[in-house]
């Protein structure tokens, strides 16, 4: 099983690339960062955050899985499962606000 890659219904390729998630457009070949930061920076745990902006620093994303029903992208990042939504937010799975 390939780690860190997935393809959506339009043929766009999603890649776990260091501390980022990248998307390669099938129609144009343009590569864009859709989650994570272009800056190399230390990772800060998301202990008390259930939802945060997609430009936050990721630890080390590995497995990717696209949901064909809503287009969201689930990511295994260290020991956390994160879901990138279509509105550029990341939801931490299993998180409950206190």
N, C-alpha and C. Protein backbone atom coordinates (compact mmCIF):
# COMPACT_ATOMS: atom_id res chain seq x y z
N UNK A 1 0.83 -1.18 0.00
CA UNK A 1 0.00 0.00 0.00
C UNK A 1 0.88 1.25 0.00
N UNK A 2 0.59 2.16 -0.90
CA UNK A 2 1.35 3.40 -0.99
C UNK A 2 0.99 4.33 0.15
N UNK A 3 1.99 4.91 0.77
CA UNK A 3 1.76 5.87 1.85
C UNK A 3 1.81 7.28 1.30
N UNK A 4 0.96 8.15 1.84
CA UNK A 4 1.09 9.57 1.56
C UNK A 4 0.64 10.01 0.19
N UNK A 5 -0.15 9.21 -0.52
CA UNK A 5 -0.66 9.58 -1.84
C UNK A 5 -2.13 9.22 -1.94
N UNK A 6 -2.89 10.06 -2.65
CA UNK A 6 -4.26 9.70 -3.00
C UNK A 6 -4.65 10.52 -4.22
N UNK A 7 -5.66 10.05 -4.94
CA UNK A 7 -6.13 10.72 -6.16
C UNK A 7 -7.63 10.91 -6.04
N UNK A 8 -8.11 12.12 -6.38
CA UNK A 8 -9.55 12.36 -6.32
C UNK A 8 -10.22 11.98 -7.64
N UNK A 9 -11.53 12.15 -7.71
CA UNK A 9 -12.31 11.76 -8.89
C UNK A 9 -11.97 12.55 -10.15
N UNK A 10 -11.33 13.71 -9.98
CA UNK A 10 -10.92 14.52 -11.14
C UNK A 10 -9.50 14.22 -11.58
N UNK A 11 -8.83 13.30 -10.88
CA UNK A 11 -7.47 12.94 -11.24
C UNK A 11 -6.41 13.80 -10.59
N UNK A 12 -6.80 14.67 -9.64
CA UNK A 12 -5.81 15.48 -8.92
C UNK A 12 -5.08 14.59 -7.92
N UNK A 13 -3.78 14.77 -7.82
CA UNK A 13 -2.94 13.96 -6.95
C UNK A 13 -2.65 14.71 -5.66
N UNK A 14 -2.81 14.05 -4.52
CA UNK A 14 -2.53 14.62 -3.21
C UNK A 14 -1.32 13.89 -2.64
N UNK A 15 -0.36 14.67 -2.11
CA UNK A 15 0.92 14.11 -1.67
C UNK A 15 1.26 14.62 -0.28
N UNK A 16 1.65 13.73 0.62
CA UNK A 16 2.24 14.13 1.90
C UNK A 16 3.70 14.43 1.61
N UNK A 17 4.10 15.68 1.85
CA UNK A 17 5.43 16.16 1.46
C UNK A 17 6.07 16.88 2.65
N UNK A 18 6.82 16.14 3.45
CA UNK A 18 7.44 16.75 4.64
C UNK A 18 6.36 17.18 5.62
N UNK A 19 6.33 18.47 5.96
CA UNK A 19 5.33 19.00 6.88
C UNK A 19 4.15 19.62 6.14
N UNK A 20 3.94 19.21 4.90
CA UNK A 20 2.87 19.79 4.09
C UNK A 20 2.07 18.72 3.38
N UNK A 21 0.88 19.13 2.94
CA UNK A 21 0.08 18.32 2.02
C UNK A 21 0.01 19.14 0.73
N UNK A 22 0.36 18.50 -0.38
CA UNK A 22 0.41 19.19 -1.66
C UNK A 22 -0.63 18.58 -2.60
N UNK A 23 -1.12 19.41 -3.52
CA UNK A 23 -2.08 18.97 -4.53
C UNK A 23 -1.50 19.28 -5.91
N UNK A 24 -1.48 18.27 -6.76
CA UNK A 24 -1.04 18.44 -8.14
C UNK A 24 -2.28 18.41 -9.01
N UNK A 25 -2.57 19.52 -9.68
CA UNK A 25 -3.75 19.62 -10.53
C UNK A 25 -3.59 18.74 -11.77
N UNK A 26 -4.58 17.90 -12.01
CA UNK A 26 -4.57 17.05 -13.19
C UNK A 26 -4.66 17.85 -14.48
N UNK A 27 -5.40 18.95 -14.45
CA UNK A 27 -5.62 19.72 -15.68
C UNK A 27 -4.48 20.67 -16.02
N UNK A 28 -3.79 21.22 -14.99
CA UNK A 28 -2.75 22.21 -15.27
C UNK A 28 -1.35 21.77 -14.88
N UNK A 29 -1.25 20.77 -14.01
CA UNK A 29 0.05 20.33 -13.51
C UNK A 29 0.61 21.23 -12.42
N UNK A 30 -0.15 22.24 -12.02
CA UNK A 30 0.31 23.16 -10.98
C UNK A 30 0.26 22.48 -9.62
N UNK A 31 1.32 22.66 -8.85
CA UNK A 31 1.42 22.09 -7.51
C UNK A 31 1.16 23.19 -6.50
N UNK A 32 0.23 22.95 -5.57
CA UNK A 32 -0.05 23.94 -4.53
C UNK A 32 -0.05 23.26 -3.16
N UNK A 33 0.29 24.03 -2.15
CA UNK A 33 0.23 23.55 -0.78
C UNK A 33 -1.18 23.79 -0.26
N UNK A 34 -1.86 22.72 0.18
CA UNK A 34 -3.23 22.88 0.67
C UNK A 34 -3.31 22.75 2.19
N UNK A 35 -2.27 22.25 2.82
CA UNK A 35 -2.21 22.19 4.28
C UNK A 35 -0.76 22.16 4.70
N UNK A 36 -0.51 22.73 5.87
CA UNK A 36 0.86 22.82 6.36
C UNK A 36 1.47 24.13 5.95
N UNK A 37 2.71 24.31 6.29
CA UNK A 37 3.38 25.57 6.07
C UNK A 37 4.56 25.39 5.13
N UNK A 38 4.82 26.41 4.32
CA UNK A 38 5.99 26.39 3.45
C UNK A 38 7.26 26.65 4.26
N UNK A 39 7.10 27.27 5.42
CA UNK A 39 8.24 27.56 6.29
C UNK A 39 8.62 26.31 7.07
N UNK A 40 9.89 26.08 7.21
CA UNK A 40 10.34 25.00 8.07
C UNK A 40 10.33 25.55 9.49
N UNK A 41 9.48 25.00 10.32
CA UNK A 41 9.36 25.50 11.68
C UNK A 41 9.07 24.35 12.62
N UNK A 42 9.35 24.55 13.90
CA UNK A 42 9.08 23.47 14.85
C UNK A 42 7.59 23.19 14.97
N UNK A 43 7.28 21.94 15.17
CA UNK A 43 5.89 21.54 15.32
C UNK A 43 5.44 21.85 16.73
N UNK A 44 4.24 22.38 16.88
CA UNK A 44 3.65 22.68 18.18
C UNK A 44 2.42 21.78 18.33
N UNK A 45 2.35 21.01 19.41
CA UNK A 45 1.19 20.11 19.58
C UNK A 45 -0.13 20.89 19.56
N UNK A 46 -1.17 20.25 19.07
CA UNK A 46 -2.51 20.83 19.00
C UNK A 46 -3.36 20.35 20.17
N UNK A 47 -2.76 20.27 21.35
CA UNK A 47 -3.41 19.65 22.51
C UNK A 47 -4.83 20.12 22.78
N UNK A 48 -5.05 21.42 22.77
CA UNK A 48 -6.36 21.93 23.18
C UNK A 48 -7.16 22.51 22.01
N UNK A 49 -6.72 22.25 20.81
CA UNK A 49 -7.43 22.75 19.65
C UNK A 49 -8.16 21.61 18.96
N UNK A 50 -9.43 21.82 18.66
CA UNK A 50 -10.20 20.82 17.92
C UNK A 50 -10.28 21.18 16.44
N UNK A 51 -10.09 22.47 16.15
CA UNK A 51 -10.17 22.94 14.77
C UNK A 51 -9.18 24.08 14.60
N UNK A 52 -8.47 24.08 13.48
CA UNK A 52 -7.49 25.14 13.23
C UNK A 52 -7.33 25.35 11.74
N UNK A 53 -6.64 26.42 11.39
CA UNK A 53 -6.43 26.82 10.00
C UNK A 53 -5.51 25.83 9.30
N UNK A 54 -5.74 25.62 8.01
CA UNK A 54 -4.94 24.65 7.24
C UNK A 54 -3.48 25.07 7.09
N UNK A 55 -3.15 26.33 7.37
CA UNK A 55 -1.76 26.77 7.22
C UNK A 55 -0.92 26.50 8.47
N UNK A 56 -1.49 25.82 9.47
CA UNK A 56 -0.73 25.49 10.67
C UNK A 56 0.40 24.52 10.33
N UNK A 57 1.38 24.44 11.18
CA UNK A 57 2.48 23.51 10.97
C UNK A 57 2.04 22.09 11.32
N UNK A 58 2.24 21.18 10.40
CA UNK A 58 1.94 19.78 10.63
C UNK A 58 3.19 19.09 11.16
N UNK A 59 3.00 17.99 11.88
CA UNK A 59 4.14 17.28 12.45
C UNK A 59 4.87 16.49 11.36
N UNK A 60 4.26 15.45 10.85
CA UNK A 60 4.84 14.65 9.76
C UNK A 60 3.73 13.81 9.15
N UNK A 61 2.92 14.42 8.25
CA UNK A 61 1.80 13.68 7.67
C UNK A 61 2.28 12.48 6.85
N UNK A 62 1.55 11.37 7.00
CA UNK A 62 1.92 10.17 6.25
C UNK A 62 0.75 9.66 5.42
N UNK A 63 -0.16 8.95 6.01
CA UNK A 63 -1.27 8.37 5.25
C UNK A 63 -2.30 9.44 4.87
N UNK A 64 -2.81 9.38 3.64
CA UNK A 64 -3.85 10.28 3.15
C UNK A 64 -5.03 9.44 2.67
N UNK A 65 -6.23 9.97 2.88
CA UNK A 65 -7.43 9.29 2.40
C UNK A 65 -8.50 10.31 2.07
N UNK A 66 -8.91 10.37 0.80
CA UNK A 66 -9.96 11.28 0.36
C UNK A 66 -11.33 10.65 0.57
N UNK A 67 -12.26 11.44 1.08
CA UNK A 67 -13.64 11.00 1.23
C UNK A 67 -14.37 11.33 -0.07
N UNK A 68 -14.83 10.34 -0.83
CA UNK A 68 -15.48 10.61 -2.11
C UNK A 68 -16.85 11.29 -1.96
N UNK A 69 -17.44 11.23 -0.78
CA UNK A 69 -18.76 11.83 -0.58
C UNK A 69 -18.70 13.34 -0.40
N UNK A 70 -17.73 13.83 0.36
CA UNK A 70 -17.68 15.28 0.61
C UNK A 70 -16.37 15.94 0.19
N UNK A 71 -15.42 15.17 -0.31
CA UNK A 71 -14.16 15.73 -0.79
C UNK A 71 -13.17 16.07 0.31
N UNK A 72 -13.49 15.75 1.56
CA UNK A 72 -12.55 16.04 2.64
C UNK A 72 -11.38 15.06 2.58
N UNK A 73 -10.26 15.48 3.15
CA UNK A 73 -9.03 14.69 3.11
C UNK A 73 -8.62 14.36 4.54
N UNK A 74 -8.56 13.08 4.88
CA UNK A 74 -8.09 12.67 6.19
C UNK A 74 -6.61 12.37 6.12
N UNK A 75 -5.91 12.78 7.18
CA UNK A 75 -4.45 12.70 7.21
C UNK A 75 -4.01 12.11 8.55
N UNK A 76 -3.11 11.16 8.52
CA UNK A 76 -2.48 10.70 9.74
C UNK A 76 -1.24 11.56 9.93
N UNK A 77 -1.22 12.36 11.01
CA UNK A 77 -0.12 13.28 11.30
C UNK A 77 0.43 12.94 12.68
N UNK A 78 1.53 12.22 12.71
CA UNK A 78 2.04 11.73 13.99
C UNK A 78 1.06 10.73 14.55
N UNK A 79 0.49 11.03 15.73
CA UNK A 79 -0.50 10.14 16.31
C UNK A 79 -1.90 10.73 16.28
N UNK A 80 -2.11 11.74 15.43
CA UNK A 80 -3.41 12.39 15.31
C UNK A 80 -4.01 12.14 13.93
N UNK A 81 -5.33 11.96 13.90
CA UNK A 81 -6.03 11.90 12.63
C UNK A 81 -6.69 13.26 12.42
N UNK A 82 -6.30 13.91 11.34
CA UNK A 82 -6.82 15.23 11.01
C UNK A 82 -7.64 15.15 9.74
N UNK A 83 -8.67 15.98 9.64
CA UNK A 83 -9.47 16.04 8.42
C UNK A 83 -9.45 17.45 7.88
N UNK A 84 -8.97 17.60 6.65
CA UNK A 84 -8.95 18.87 5.96
C UNK A 84 -10.27 19.04 5.23
N UNK A 85 -11.00 20.10 5.57
CA UNK A 85 -12.31 20.33 4.96
C UNK A 85 -12.17 21.22 3.73
N UNK A 86 -13.24 21.32 2.96
CA UNK A 86 -13.22 22.14 1.75
C UNK A 86 -13.12 23.64 2.04
N UNK A 87 -13.38 24.05 3.29
CA UNK A 87 -13.26 25.47 3.65
C UNK A 87 -11.93 25.77 4.33
N UNK A 88 -10.90 24.95 4.07
CA UNK A 88 -9.52 25.14 4.54
C UNK A 88 -9.38 25.15 6.05
N UNK A 89 -10.15 24.34 6.72
CA UNK A 89 -10.00 24.14 8.15
C UNK A 89 -9.58 22.70 8.39
N UNK A 90 -8.86 22.49 9.47
CA UNK A 90 -8.46 21.15 9.86
C UNK A 90 -9.20 20.80 11.14
N UNK A 91 -9.89 19.68 11.13
CA UNK A 91 -10.57 19.18 12.32
C UNK A 91 -9.77 18.02 12.88
N UNK A 92 -9.53 18.06 14.18
CA UNK A 92 -8.82 16.98 14.85
C UNK A 92 -9.85 15.94 15.27
N UNK A 93 -9.71 14.72 14.79
CA UNK A 93 -10.68 13.66 15.07
C UNK A 93 -10.57 13.19 16.51
N UNK A 94 -11.71 12.92 17.12
CA UNK A 94 -11.74 12.46 18.50
C UNK A 94 -11.58 13.57 19.52
N UNK A 95 -11.59 14.80 19.07
CA UNK A 95 -11.41 15.95 19.95
C UNK A 95 -12.76 16.43 20.47
N UNK A 96 -12.80 16.70 21.74
CA UNK A 96 -14.02 17.22 22.36
C UNK A 96 -13.67 18.48 23.12
N UNK A 97 -14.32 19.58 22.80
CA UNK A 97 -14.06 20.84 23.49
C UNK A 97 -14.47 20.71 24.95
N UNK A 98 -13.67 21.31 25.80
CA UNK A 98 -13.97 21.25 27.24
C UNK A 98 -14.63 22.52 27.69
